[in-house]
């Protein structure tokens, strides 16, 4: 019974995550702003909210050490690129294409995990990867870069790839910092990076 409840909870978590990504994609499609501006707003308010939560908590140790900051900054860069690519996919094609192709990130994790963590590549994982590739191939009517669907698939797949890299990096950093600290500094770094890019482009 306990095993069944765990499975049910896991399935509910997966479906909730898909629902939230779908809602985020829908808002991204409806908001008449560039993907970079949307992601800046998202990461900025996320960083502010997480910062408030961090300030209200009583801690005996700092959120992170100076040694962790460079890695968290790189992860913030990955976060900014991931979300920008995700919303770009939706802007140039449809919400469905953006969400489906982003969801291909387990394909990249399957083949990157053995490189990062020396884990064995298992046959079920390879079969799952083949099915994911086949599913993405069915979305593409033909490889024509002028086709919005093709461009959406490419952006969405790139969003999945960067999310896979971010997930693997989180597995490393989460051993030394709390999830709250990781999310806070990643969103703050992403917001600062996007603010710099937006100011640079507007000044050019």
N, C-alpha and C. Protein backbone atom coordinates (compact mmCIF):
# COMPACT_ATOMS: atom_id res chain seq x y z
N UNK A 1 0.83 -1.21 0.00
CA UNK A 1 0.00 0.00 0.00
C UNK A 1 0.87 1.26 0.00
N UNK A 2 1.94 1.21 0.82
CA UNK A 2 2.85 2.35 0.87
C UNK A 2 3.53 2.56 -0.47
N UNK A 3 3.92 1.42 -1.12
CA UNK A 3 4.56 1.51 -2.43
C UNK A 3 3.62 2.12 -3.46
N UNK A 4 2.33 1.74 -3.39
CA UNK A 4 1.33 2.26 -4.31
C UNK A 4 1.14 3.76 -4.10
N UNK A 5 1.10 4.19 -2.82
CA UNK A 5 0.90 5.61 -2.54
C UNK A 5 2.10 6.44 -3.03
N UNK A 6 3.31 5.86 -2.93
CA UNK A 6 4.49 6.56 -3.45
C UNK A 6 4.39 6.71 -4.96
N UNK A 7 3.95 5.65 -5.63
CA UNK A 7 3.81 5.70 -7.08
C UNK A 7 2.76 6.73 -7.49
N UNK A 8 1.65 6.75 -6.75
CA UNK A 8 0.60 7.72 -7.03
C UNK A 8 1.10 9.15 -6.83
N UNK A 9 1.84 9.35 -5.73
CA UNK A 9 2.38 10.69 -5.46
C UNK A 9 3.36 11.11 -6.54
N UNK A 10 4.18 10.16 -7.01
CA UNK A 10 5.14 10.47 -8.07
C UNK A 10 4.42 10.85 -9.37
N UNK A 11 3.37 10.10 -9.71
CA UNK A 11 2.60 10.39 -10.92
C UNK A 11 1.92 11.75 -10.81
N UNK A 12 1.37 12.05 -9.64
CA UNK A 12 0.73 13.35 -9.44
C UNK A 12 1.75 14.48 -9.58
N UNK A 13 2.96 14.25 -9.07
CA UNK A 13 4.01 15.27 -9.18
C UNK A 13 4.38 15.52 -10.64
N UNK A 14 4.49 14.43 -11.41
CA UNK A 14 4.84 14.56 -12.82
C UNK A 14 3.76 15.33 -13.57
N UNK A 15 2.48 14.95 -13.35
CA UNK A 15 1.38 15.61 -14.05
C UNK A 15 1.25 17.07 -13.62
N UNK A 16 1.51 17.34 -12.34
CA UNK A 16 1.47 18.74 -11.87
C UNK A 16 2.56 19.56 -12.53
N UNK A 17 3.76 18.98 -12.64
CA UNK A 17 4.87 19.68 -13.29
C UNK A 17 4.54 19.99 -14.75
N UNK A 18 3.97 19.01 -15.45
CA UNK A 18 3.58 19.22 -16.86
C UNK A 18 2.52 20.32 -16.96
N UNK A 19 1.54 20.30 -16.03
CA UNK A 19 0.50 21.32 -16.02
C UNK A 19 1.08 22.71 -15.81
N UNK A 20 2.01 22.83 -14.85
CA UNK A 20 2.62 24.13 -14.57
C UNK A 20 3.44 24.63 -15.75
N UNK A 21 4.18 23.71 -16.42
CA UNK A 21 4.94 24.13 -17.59
C UNK A 21 4.00 24.54 -18.72
N UNK A 22 2.87 23.83 -18.84
CA UNK A 22 1.90 24.20 -19.86
C UNK A 22 1.31 25.57 -19.61
N UNK A 23 1.01 25.87 -18.33
CA UNK A 23 0.47 27.18 -17.98
C UNK A 23 1.52 28.27 -18.24
N UNK A 24 2.77 27.99 -17.84
CA UNK A 24 3.84 28.97 -18.10
C UNK A 24 4.00 29.22 -19.59
N UNK A 25 3.91 28.14 -20.38
CA UNK A 25 4.01 28.29 -21.83
C UNK A 25 2.85 29.08 -22.40
N UNK A 26 1.65 28.87 -21.85
CA UNK A 26 0.48 29.60 -22.32
C UNK A 26 0.62 31.10 -22.05
N UNK A 27 1.07 31.44 -20.85
CA UNK A 27 1.29 32.85 -20.53
C UNK A 27 2.39 33.44 -21.42
N UNK A 28 3.44 32.64 -21.67
CA UNK A 28 4.51 33.10 -22.54
C UNK A 28 4.03 33.38 -23.94
N UNK A 29 3.07 32.60 -24.41
CA UNK A 29 2.50 32.81 -25.74
C UNK A 29 1.63 34.05 -25.79
N UNK A 30 0.88 34.29 -24.71
CA UNK A 30 -0.08 35.39 -24.71
C UNK A 30 0.57 36.74 -24.40
N UNK A 31 1.64 36.74 -23.61
CA UNK A 31 2.29 38.00 -23.26
C UNK A 31 3.07 38.54 -24.45
N UNK A 32 2.79 39.77 -24.80
CA UNK A 32 3.40 40.38 -25.98
C UNK A 32 4.75 41.02 -25.63
N UNK A 33 5.68 40.19 -25.16
CA UNK A 33 7.02 40.63 -24.83
C UNK A 33 8.01 39.62 -25.38
N UNK A 34 9.27 40.02 -25.52
CA UNK A 34 10.29 39.11 -26.02
C UNK A 34 10.59 38.04 -24.95
N UNK A 35 11.07 36.86 -25.38
CA UNK A 35 11.41 35.81 -24.41
C UNK A 35 12.40 36.28 -23.35
N UNK A 36 13.39 37.10 -23.73
CA UNK A 36 14.39 37.57 -22.76
C UNK A 36 13.74 38.42 -21.67
N UNK A 37 12.80 39.28 -22.04
CA UNK A 37 12.13 40.13 -21.06
C UNK A 37 11.25 39.27 -20.14
N UNK A 38 10.55 38.30 -20.71
CA UNK A 38 9.71 37.41 -19.91
C UNK A 38 10.55 36.65 -18.89
N UNK A 39 11.67 36.11 -19.34
CA UNK A 39 12.53 35.33 -18.45
C UNK A 39 13.16 36.22 -17.39
N UNK A 40 13.53 37.45 -17.77
CA UNK A 40 14.07 38.38 -16.78
C UNK A 40 13.05 38.62 -15.66
N UNK A 41 11.81 38.90 -16.05
CA UNK A 41 10.77 39.12 -15.05
C UNK A 41 10.56 37.91 -14.17
N UNK A 42 10.57 36.74 -14.79
CA UNK A 42 10.36 35.51 -14.04
C UNK A 42 11.47 35.27 -13.03
N UNK A 43 12.71 35.38 -13.48
CA UNK A 43 13.85 35.10 -12.60
C UNK A 43 14.01 36.20 -11.54
N UNK A 44 13.71 37.45 -11.91
CA UNK A 44 13.84 38.55 -10.96
C UNK A 44 12.87 38.36 -9.79
N UNK A 45 11.60 38.14 -10.10
CA UNK A 45 10.61 37.99 -9.03
C UNK A 45 10.82 36.69 -8.25
N UNK A 46 11.33 35.65 -8.93
CA UNK A 46 11.65 34.40 -8.22
C UNK A 46 12.78 34.64 -7.23
N UNK A 47 13.81 35.38 -7.66
CA UNK A 47 14.94 35.68 -6.77
C UNK A 47 14.50 36.53 -5.58
N UNK A 48 13.65 37.53 -5.83
CA UNK A 48 13.16 38.38 -4.74
C UNK A 48 12.34 37.56 -3.74
N UNK A 49 11.45 36.72 -4.26
CA UNK A 49 10.60 35.90 -3.39
C UNK A 49 11.43 34.93 -2.56
N UNK A 50 12.39 34.27 -3.22
CA UNK A 50 13.26 33.33 -2.50
C UNK A 50 14.15 34.05 -1.49
N UNK A 51 14.58 35.27 -1.84
CA UNK A 51 15.38 36.06 -0.92
C UNK A 51 14.61 36.41 0.34
N UNK A 52 13.34 36.75 0.18
CA UNK A 52 12.49 37.05 1.35
C UNK A 52 12.34 35.82 2.23
N UNK A 53 12.12 34.67 1.60
CA UNK A 53 12.01 33.42 2.36
C UNK A 53 13.31 33.13 3.12
N UNK A 54 14.44 33.34 2.44
CA UNK A 54 15.74 33.08 3.07
C UNK A 54 15.97 34.00 4.27
N UNK A 55 15.53 35.26 4.17
CA UNK A 55 15.72 36.21 5.26
C UNK A 55 14.86 35.89 6.48
N UNK A 56 13.74 35.25 6.24
CA UNK A 56 12.84 34.91 7.37
C UNK A 56 13.25 33.63 8.08
N UNK A 57 14.17 32.89 7.50
CA UNK A 57 14.60 31.63 8.11
C UNK A 57 15.77 31.86 9.06
N UNK A 58 15.76 31.10 10.14
CA UNK A 58 16.87 31.16 11.09
C UNK A 58 17.89 30.09 10.71
N UNK A 59 19.14 30.54 10.48
CA UNK A 59 20.18 29.62 10.03
C UNK A 59 21.42 29.79 10.89
N UNK A 60 22.12 28.69 11.08
CA UNK A 60 23.39 28.73 11.81
C UNK A 60 24.58 28.83 10.85
N UNK A 61 24.34 28.56 9.57
CA UNK A 61 25.40 28.58 8.58
C UNK A 61 24.99 29.48 7.41
N UNK A 62 25.95 30.04 6.66
CA UNK A 62 25.61 30.86 5.48
C UNK A 62 24.93 30.04 4.40
N UNK A 63 24.22 30.72 3.52
CA UNK A 63 23.50 30.02 2.45
C UNK A 63 24.45 29.22 1.56
N UNK A 64 25.59 29.79 1.26
CA UNK A 64 26.59 29.10 0.45
C UNK A 64 27.96 29.69 0.73
N UNK A 65 29.00 29.04 0.23
CA UNK A 65 30.36 29.52 0.41
C UNK A 65 30.83 30.20 -0.87
N UNK A 66 31.93 30.94 -0.76
CA UNK A 66 32.49 31.60 -1.94
C UNK A 66 32.89 30.59 -3.01
N UNK A 67 33.25 29.39 -2.59
CA UNK A 67 33.65 28.35 -3.53
C UNK A 67 32.49 27.94 -4.43
N UNK A 68 31.26 28.03 -3.90
CA UNK A 68 30.09 27.60 -4.67
C UNK A 68 29.57 28.67 -5.63
N UNK A 69 29.92 29.93 -5.40
CA UNK A 69 29.35 31.02 -6.19
C UNK A 69 29.63 30.92 -7.69
N UNK A 70 30.88 30.60 -8.12
CA UNK A 70 31.11 30.49 -9.57
C UNK A 70 30.23 29.43 -10.23
N UNK A 71 30.08 28.27 -9.59
CA UNK A 71 29.24 27.21 -10.16
C UNK A 71 27.79 27.65 -10.19
N UNK A 72 27.31 28.30 -9.13
CA UNK A 72 25.93 28.78 -9.10
C UNK A 72 25.70 29.85 -10.17
N UNK A 73 26.72 30.66 -10.44
CA UNK A 73 26.61 31.67 -11.50
C UNK A 73 26.48 31.02 -12.87
N UNK A 74 27.28 29.97 -13.11
CA UNK A 74 27.18 29.23 -14.38
C UNK A 74 25.82 28.56 -14.50
N UNK A 75 25.32 28.04 -13.39
CA UNK A 75 23.99 27.42 -13.40
C UNK A 75 22.91 28.46 -13.66
N UNK A 76 23.13 29.69 -13.16
CA UNK A 76 22.20 30.77 -13.47
C UNK A 76 22.19 31.08 -14.96
N UNK A 77 23.38 31.03 -15.58
CA UNK A 77 23.47 31.22 -17.03
C UNK A 77 22.68 30.13 -17.76
N UNK A 78 22.84 28.88 -17.32
CA UNK A 78 22.10 27.78 -17.93
C UNK A 78 20.60 27.97 -17.76
N UNK A 79 20.20 28.45 -16.58
CA UNK A 79 18.78 28.68 -16.32
C UNK A 79 18.22 29.74 -17.25
N UNK A 80 18.98 30.82 -17.44
CA UNK A 80 18.53 31.90 -18.33
C UNK A 80 18.41 31.40 -19.77
N UNK A 81 19.41 30.65 -20.22
CA UNK A 81 19.39 30.12 -21.59
C UNK A 81 18.24 29.14 -21.75
N UNK A 82 18.05 28.27 -20.75
CA UNK A 82 16.98 27.27 -20.83
C UNK A 82 15.62 27.93 -20.98
N UNK A 83 15.29 28.87 -20.08
CA UNK A 83 13.97 29.50 -20.13
C UNK A 83 13.79 30.34 -21.39
N UNK A 84 14.84 31.02 -21.82
CA UNK A 84 14.74 31.83 -23.04
C UNK A 84 14.48 30.95 -24.25
N UNK A 85 15.19 29.82 -24.34
CA UNK A 85 14.97 28.88 -25.45
C UNK A 85 13.57 28.29 -25.39
N UNK A 86 13.08 28.00 -24.19
CA UNK A 86 11.73 27.44 -24.03
C UNK A 86 10.68 28.41 -24.53
N UNK A 87 10.77 29.67 -24.10
CA UNK A 87 9.78 30.66 -24.55
C UNK A 87 9.96 31.03 -26.01
N UNK A 88 11.19 30.95 -26.51
CA UNK A 88 11.42 31.18 -27.94
C UNK A 88 10.72 30.11 -28.77
N UNK A 89 10.79 28.86 -28.31
CA UNK A 89 10.12 27.76 -29.00
C UNK A 89 8.62 28.01 -29.09
N UNK A 90 8.06 28.49 -27.98
CA UNK A 90 6.62 28.75 -27.95
C UNK A 90 6.26 29.94 -28.83
N UNK A 91 7.09 30.97 -28.81
CA UNK A 91 6.80 32.17 -29.59
C UNK A 91 6.81 31.88 -31.09
N UNK A 92 7.78 31.06 -31.55
CA UNK A 92 7.90 30.83 -33.00
C UNK A 92 6.99 29.71 -33.48
N UNK A 93 6.46 28.88 -32.55
CA UNK A 93 5.59 27.78 -32.98
C UNK A 93 4.33 27.75 -32.12
N UNK A 94 4.18 26.71 -31.31
CA UNK A 94 2.99 26.59 -30.46
C UNK A 94 3.40 26.17 -29.06
N UNK A 95 2.47 26.31 -28.12
CA UNK A 95 2.71 25.89 -26.74
C UNK A 95 2.95 24.39 -26.69
N UNK A 96 2.17 23.64 -27.46
CA UNK A 96 2.31 22.18 -27.45
C UNK A 96 3.70 21.75 -27.89
N UNK A 97 4.20 22.33 -28.97
CA UNK A 97 5.54 21.96 -29.47
C UNK A 97 6.60 22.33 -28.44
N UNK A 98 6.49 23.51 -27.83
CA UNK A 98 7.47 23.93 -26.84
C UNK A 98 7.52 22.99 -25.65
N UNK A 99 6.35 22.62 -25.12
CA UNK A 99 6.30 21.75 -23.94
C UNK A 99 6.76 20.34 -24.27
N UNK A 100 6.30 19.81 -25.42
CA UNK A 100 6.65 18.43 -25.78
C UNK A 100 8.14 18.28 -26.03
N UNK A 101 8.73 19.20 -26.78
CA UNK A 101 10.15 19.07 -27.10
C UNK A 101 11.03 19.36 -25.89
N UNK A 102 10.61 20.30 -25.04
CA UNK A 102 11.35 20.52 -23.79
C UNK A 102 11.37 19.25 -22.95
N UNK A 103 10.25 18.54 -22.96
CA UNK A 103 10.12 17.32 -22.15
C UNK A 103 11.03 16.20 -22.62
N UNK A 104 11.80 16.45 -23.68
CA UNK A 104 12.78 15.47 -24.15
C UNK A 104 14.06 15.49 -23.33
N UNK A 105 14.10 16.32 -22.27
CA UNK A 105 15.35 16.42 -21.50
C UNK A 105 15.81 15.09 -20.91
N UNK A 106 14.92 14.11 -20.57
CA UNK A 106 15.43 12.82 -20.09
C UNK A 106 16.32 12.11 -21.13
N UNK A 107 16.08 12.39 -22.41
CA UNK A 107 16.93 11.82 -23.47
C UNK A 107 18.38 12.25 -23.26
N UNK A 108 18.59 13.52 -22.99
CA UNK A 108 19.96 14.02 -22.80
C UNK A 108 20.54 13.55 -21.47
N UNK A 109 19.70 13.49 -20.44
CA UNK A 109 20.19 13.00 -19.14
C UNK A 109 20.67 11.57 -19.26
N UNK A 110 19.95 10.76 -20.05
CA UNK A 110 20.32 9.35 -20.23
C UNK A 110 21.75 9.19 -20.71
N UNK A 111 22.16 10.04 -21.66
CA UNK A 111 23.48 9.89 -22.26
C UNK A 111 24.54 10.76 -21.58
N UNK A 112 24.11 11.77 -20.81
CA UNK A 112 25.07 12.62 -20.12
C UNK A 112 25.45 12.06 -18.75
N UNK A 113 24.54 11.35 -18.11
CA UNK A 113 24.83 10.80 -16.78
C UNK A 113 26.07 9.92 -16.76
N UNK A 114 26.25 9.01 -17.73
CA UNK A 114 27.48 8.20 -17.70
C UNK A 114 28.75 9.04 -17.82
N UNK A 115 28.66 10.21 -18.49
CA UNK A 115 29.83 11.07 -18.63
C UNK A 115 30.12 11.86 -17.36
N UNK A 116 29.06 12.30 -16.68
CA UNK A 116 29.23 13.13 -15.50
C UNK A 116 29.42 12.31 -14.23
N UNK A 117 28.70 11.21 -14.12
CA UNK A 117 28.68 10.46 -12.86
C UNK A 117 29.14 9.00 -13.01
N UNK A 118 29.61 8.65 -14.19
CA UNK A 118 30.10 7.29 -14.46
C UNK A 118 29.06 6.23 -14.16
N UNK A 119 27.81 6.53 -14.46
CA UNK A 119 26.74 5.56 -14.27
C UNK A 119 26.58 4.73 -15.53
N UNK A 120 26.12 3.51 -15.35
CA UNK A 120 25.96 2.61 -16.49
C UNK A 120 24.78 3.03 -17.36
N UNK A 121 24.96 2.85 -18.65
CA UNK A 121 23.89 3.12 -19.61
C UNK A 121 23.07 1.84 -19.76
N UNK A 122 21.83 1.87 -19.30
CA UNK A 122 20.99 0.68 -19.26
C UNK A 122 20.11 0.59 -20.51
N UNK A 123 19.80 -0.64 -20.89
CA UNK A 123 18.99 -0.88 -22.09
C UNK A 123 17.62 -0.20 -22.02
N UNK A 124 16.87 -0.26 -20.89
CA UNK A 124 15.57 0.43 -20.85
C UNK A 124 15.70 1.93 -21.10
N UNK A 125 16.79 2.52 -20.61
CA UNK A 125 17.00 3.96 -20.85
C UNK A 125 17.24 4.25 -22.33
N UNK A 126 17.98 3.36 -22.99
CA UNK A 126 18.24 3.53 -24.42
C UNK A 126 16.95 3.40 -25.21
N UNK A 127 16.12 2.43 -24.85
CA UNK A 127 14.84 2.24 -25.54
C UNK A 127 13.93 3.46 -25.34
N UNK A 128 13.94 4.00 -24.13
CA UNK A 128 13.15 5.21 -23.86
C UNK A 128 13.65 6.37 -24.71
N UNK A 129 14.97 6.49 -24.83
CA UNK A 129 15.55 7.56 -25.64
C UNK A 129 15.13 7.42 -27.11
N UNK A 130 15.12 6.20 -27.61
CA UNK A 130 14.69 5.95 -28.99
C UNK A 130 13.25 6.38 -29.19
N UNK A 131 12.39 6.07 -28.22
CA UNK A 131 10.98 6.45 -28.31
C UNK A 131 10.82 7.98 -28.30
N UNK A 132 11.63 8.66 -27.48
CA UNK A 132 11.58 10.12 -27.43
C UNK A 132 11.98 10.72 -28.77
N UNK A 133 13.07 10.18 -29.35
CA UNK A 133 13.53 10.67 -30.65
C UNK A 133 12.46 10.44 -31.71
N UNK A 134 11.83 9.28 -31.66
CA UNK A 134 10.77 8.97 -32.63
C UNK A 134 9.59 9.92 -32.47
N UNK A 135 9.25 10.24 -31.22
CA UNK A 135 8.15 11.17 -30.97
C UNK A 135 8.44 12.56 -31.50
N UNK A 136 9.68 13.03 -31.30
CA UNK A 136 10.06 14.35 -31.82
C UNK A 136 10.06 14.35 -33.34
N UNK A 137 10.53 13.25 -33.93
CA UNK A 137 10.56 13.15 -35.39
C UNK A 137 9.16 13.23 -35.99
N UNK A 138 8.16 12.71 -35.27
CA UNK A 138 6.79 12.75 -35.77
C UNK A 138 6.23 14.18 -35.80
N UNK A 139 6.78 15.05 -34.95
CA UNK A 139 6.30 16.43 -34.91
C UNK A 139 6.77 17.21 -36.12
N UNK A 140 7.99 16.87 -36.61
CA UNK A 140 8.61 17.63 -37.70
C UNK A 140 8.06 17.15 -39.04
N UNK A 141 7.35 18.01 -39.78
CA UNK A 141 6.82 17.61 -41.08
C UNK A 141 7.91 17.42 -42.12
N UNK A 142 8.99 18.16 -41.99
CA UNK A 142 10.12 18.11 -42.92
C UNK A 142 11.14 19.13 -42.46
N UNK A 143 12.43 18.84 -42.65
CA UNK A 143 13.44 19.72 -42.09
C UNK A 143 13.61 20.96 -42.96
N UNK A 144 12.79 21.96 -42.67
CA UNK A 144 12.84 23.24 -43.37
C UNK A 144 12.89 24.33 -42.31
N UNK A 145 14.01 25.05 -42.22
CA UNK A 145 14.19 26.05 -41.18
C UNK A 145 13.22 27.22 -41.32
N UNK A 146 12.58 27.34 -42.47
CA UNK A 146 11.57 28.38 -42.64
C UNK A 146 10.23 27.97 -42.03
N UNK A 147 10.11 26.70 -41.69
CA UNK A 147 8.88 26.19 -41.10
C UNK A 147 8.88 26.52 -39.60
N UNK A 148 7.86 27.24 -39.11
CA UNK A 148 7.81 27.58 -37.68
C UNK A 148 7.85 26.35 -36.77
N UNK A 149 7.22 25.25 -37.21
CA UNK A 149 7.21 24.04 -36.39
C UNK A 149 8.62 23.49 -36.20
N UNK A 150 9.42 23.51 -37.26
CA UNK A 150 10.80 23.02 -37.18
C UNK A 150 11.63 23.89 -36.25
N UNK A 151 11.48 25.20 -36.39
CA UNK A 151 12.23 26.11 -35.51
C UNK A 151 11.79 25.95 -34.06
N UNK A 152 10.49 25.72 -33.87
CA UNK A 152 10.00 25.49 -32.51
C UNK A 152 10.57 24.22 -31.90
N UNK A 153 10.67 23.17 -32.72
CA UNK A 153 11.25 21.91 -32.25
C UNK A 153 12.72 22.10 -31.87
N UNK A 154 13.46 22.83 -32.70
CA UNK A 154 14.89 23.04 -32.43
C UNK A 154 15.10 23.85 -31.15
N UNK A 155 14.32 24.92 -30.99
CA UNK A 155 14.44 25.72 -29.76
C UNK A 155 14.00 24.90 -28.55
N UNK A 156 12.92 24.16 -28.68
CA UNK A 156 12.43 23.37 -27.56
C UNK A 156 13.39 22.26 -27.16
N UNK A 157 14.00 21.62 -28.16
CA UNK A 157 14.98 20.57 -27.87
C UNK A 157 16.22 21.16 -27.20
N UNK A 158 16.63 22.36 -27.66
CA UNK A 158 17.76 23.02 -27.01
C UNK A 158 17.42 23.39 -25.57
N UNK A 159 16.18 23.79 -25.33
CA UNK A 159 15.73 24.07 -23.96
C UNK A 159 15.82 22.81 -23.10
N UNK A 160 15.45 21.66 -23.68
CA UNK A 160 15.56 20.40 -22.96
C UNK A 160 17.00 20.03 -22.66
N UNK A 161 17.89 20.30 -23.62
CA UNK A 161 19.32 19.99 -23.43
C UNK A 161 19.92 20.83 -22.30
N UNK A 162 19.63 22.13 -22.30
CA UNK A 162 20.17 23.00 -21.25
C UNK A 162 19.56 22.67 -19.90
N UNK A 163 18.30 22.23 -19.89
CA UNK A 163 17.67 21.84 -18.62
C UNK A 163 18.32 20.56 -18.09
N UNK A 164 18.69 19.65 -18.99
CA UNK A 164 19.39 18.43 -18.57
C UNK A 164 20.74 18.76 -17.94
N UNK A 165 21.48 19.69 -18.56
CA UNK A 165 22.75 20.13 -17.99
C UNK A 165 22.54 20.76 -16.61
N UNK A 166 21.50 21.57 -16.50
CA UNK A 166 21.20 22.23 -15.23
C UNK A 166 20.83 21.20 -14.16
N UNK A 167 20.06 20.20 -14.52
CA UNK A 167 19.66 19.15 -13.57
C UNK A 167 20.87 18.38 -13.06
N UNK A 168 21.79 18.05 -13.97
CA UNK A 168 22.99 17.33 -13.57
C UNK A 168 23.89 18.19 -12.69
N UNK A 169 23.98 19.47 -13.01
CA UNK A 169 24.77 20.38 -12.18
C UNK A 169 24.15 20.52 -10.79
N UNK A 170 22.82 20.52 -10.72
CA UNK A 170 22.13 20.61 -9.43
C UNK A 170 22.43 19.40 -8.56
N UNK A 171 22.58 18.24 -9.19
CA UNK A 171 22.91 17.04 -8.43
C UNK A 171 24.26 17.19 -7.72
N UNK A 172 25.15 17.95 -8.33
CA UNK A 172 26.47 18.17 -7.73
C UNK A 172 26.42 19.22 -6.63
N UNK A 173 25.79 20.35 -6.91
CA UNK A 173 25.82 21.47 -5.97
C UNK A 173 24.91 21.24 -4.77
N UNK A 174 23.86 20.43 -4.94
CA UNK A 174 22.89 20.23 -3.86
C UNK A 174 23.50 19.45 -2.70
N UNK A 175 24.65 18.85 -2.92
CA UNK A 175 25.34 18.15 -1.83
C UNK A 175 25.99 19.13 -0.86
N UNK A 176 26.17 20.39 -1.28
CA UNK A 176 26.87 21.36 -0.44
C UNK A 176 25.97 22.53 -0.01
N UNK A 177 24.94 22.83 -0.80
CA UNK A 177 24.04 23.94 -0.44
C UNK A 177 22.61 23.45 -0.42
N UNK A 178 21.74 24.19 0.23
CA UNK A 178 20.34 23.80 0.31
C UNK A 178 19.63 24.09 -1.01
N UNK A 179 18.52 23.41 -1.29
CA UNK A 179 17.76 23.72 -2.51
C UNK A 179 17.33 25.18 -2.58
N UNK A 180 16.99 25.77 -1.43
CA UNK A 180 16.60 27.18 -1.40
C UNK A 180 17.75 28.07 -1.87
N UNK A 181 18.95 27.82 -1.35
CA UNK A 181 20.11 28.63 -1.74
C UNK A 181 20.43 28.45 -3.21
N UNK A 182 20.37 27.21 -3.69
CA UNK A 182 20.66 26.95 -5.10
C UNK A 182 19.68 27.70 -6.00
N UNK A 183 18.38 27.61 -5.69
CA UNK A 183 17.37 28.29 -6.51
C UNK A 183 17.52 29.80 -6.43
N UNK A 184 17.80 30.32 -5.23
CA UNK A 184 17.94 31.77 -5.05
C UNK A 184 19.09 32.33 -5.87
N UNK A 185 20.28 31.75 -5.74
CA UNK A 185 21.45 32.29 -6.44
C UNK A 185 21.37 32.04 -7.95
N UNK A 186 20.78 30.94 -8.36
CA UNK A 186 20.64 30.69 -9.79
C UNK A 186 19.70 31.71 -10.43
N UNK A 187 18.57 31.96 -9.79
CA UNK A 187 17.62 32.94 -10.34
C UNK A 187 18.20 34.35 -10.30
N UNK A 188 18.93 34.68 -9.22
CA UNK A 188 19.55 36.00 -9.13
C UNK A 188 20.59 36.18 -10.22
N UNK A 189 21.43 35.16 -10.45
CA UNK A 189 22.45 35.24 -11.50
C UNK A 189 21.80 35.35 -12.87
N UNK A 190 20.73 34.59 -13.10
CA UNK A 190 20.03 34.65 -14.38
C UNK A 190 19.42 36.03 -14.62
N UNK A 191 18.82 36.61 -13.58
CA UNK A 191 18.22 37.94 -13.71
C UNK A 191 19.27 39.00 -14.00
N UNK A 192 20.41 38.93 -13.32
CA UNK A 192 21.48 39.91 -13.54
C UNK A 192 22.04 39.78 -14.96
N UNK A 193 22.24 38.55 -15.41
CA UNK A 193 22.75 38.33 -16.76
C UNK A 193 21.79 38.88 -17.81
N UNK A 194 20.50 38.59 -17.66
CA UNK A 194 19.52 39.05 -18.63
C UNK A 194 19.37 40.57 -18.59
N UNK A 195 19.47 41.16 -17.38
CA UNK A 195 19.41 42.61 -17.28
C UNK A 195 20.57 43.25 -18.02
N UNK A 196 21.75 42.67 -17.87
CA UNK A 196 22.93 43.19 -18.58
C UNK A 196 22.74 43.08 -20.09
N UNK A 197 22.24 41.93 -20.56
CA UNK A 197 22.02 41.73 -22.00
C UNK A 197 20.97 42.69 -22.55
N UNK A 198 19.87 42.86 -21.81
CA UNK A 198 18.81 43.75 -22.27
C UNK A 198 19.28 45.19 -22.32
N UNK A 199 20.04 45.61 -21.31
CA UNK A 199 20.57 46.99 -21.31
C UNK A 199 21.58 47.19 -22.43
N UNK A 200 22.39 46.17 -22.70
CA UNK A 200 23.40 46.28 -23.77
C UNK A 200 22.74 46.41 -25.12
N UNK A 201 21.68 45.60 -25.36
CA UNK A 201 21.01 45.64 -26.66
C UNK A 201 20.24 46.94 -26.84
N UNK A 202 19.64 47.44 -25.76
CA UNK A 202 18.88 48.69 -25.88
C UNK A 202 19.80 49.89 -26.11
N UNK A 203 21.04 49.79 -25.58
CA UNK A 203 21.99 50.89 -25.75
C UNK A 203 22.67 50.86 -27.11
N UNK A 204 22.65 49.68 -27.76
CA UNK A 204 23.33 49.54 -29.05
C UNK A 204 22.56 50.24 -30.17
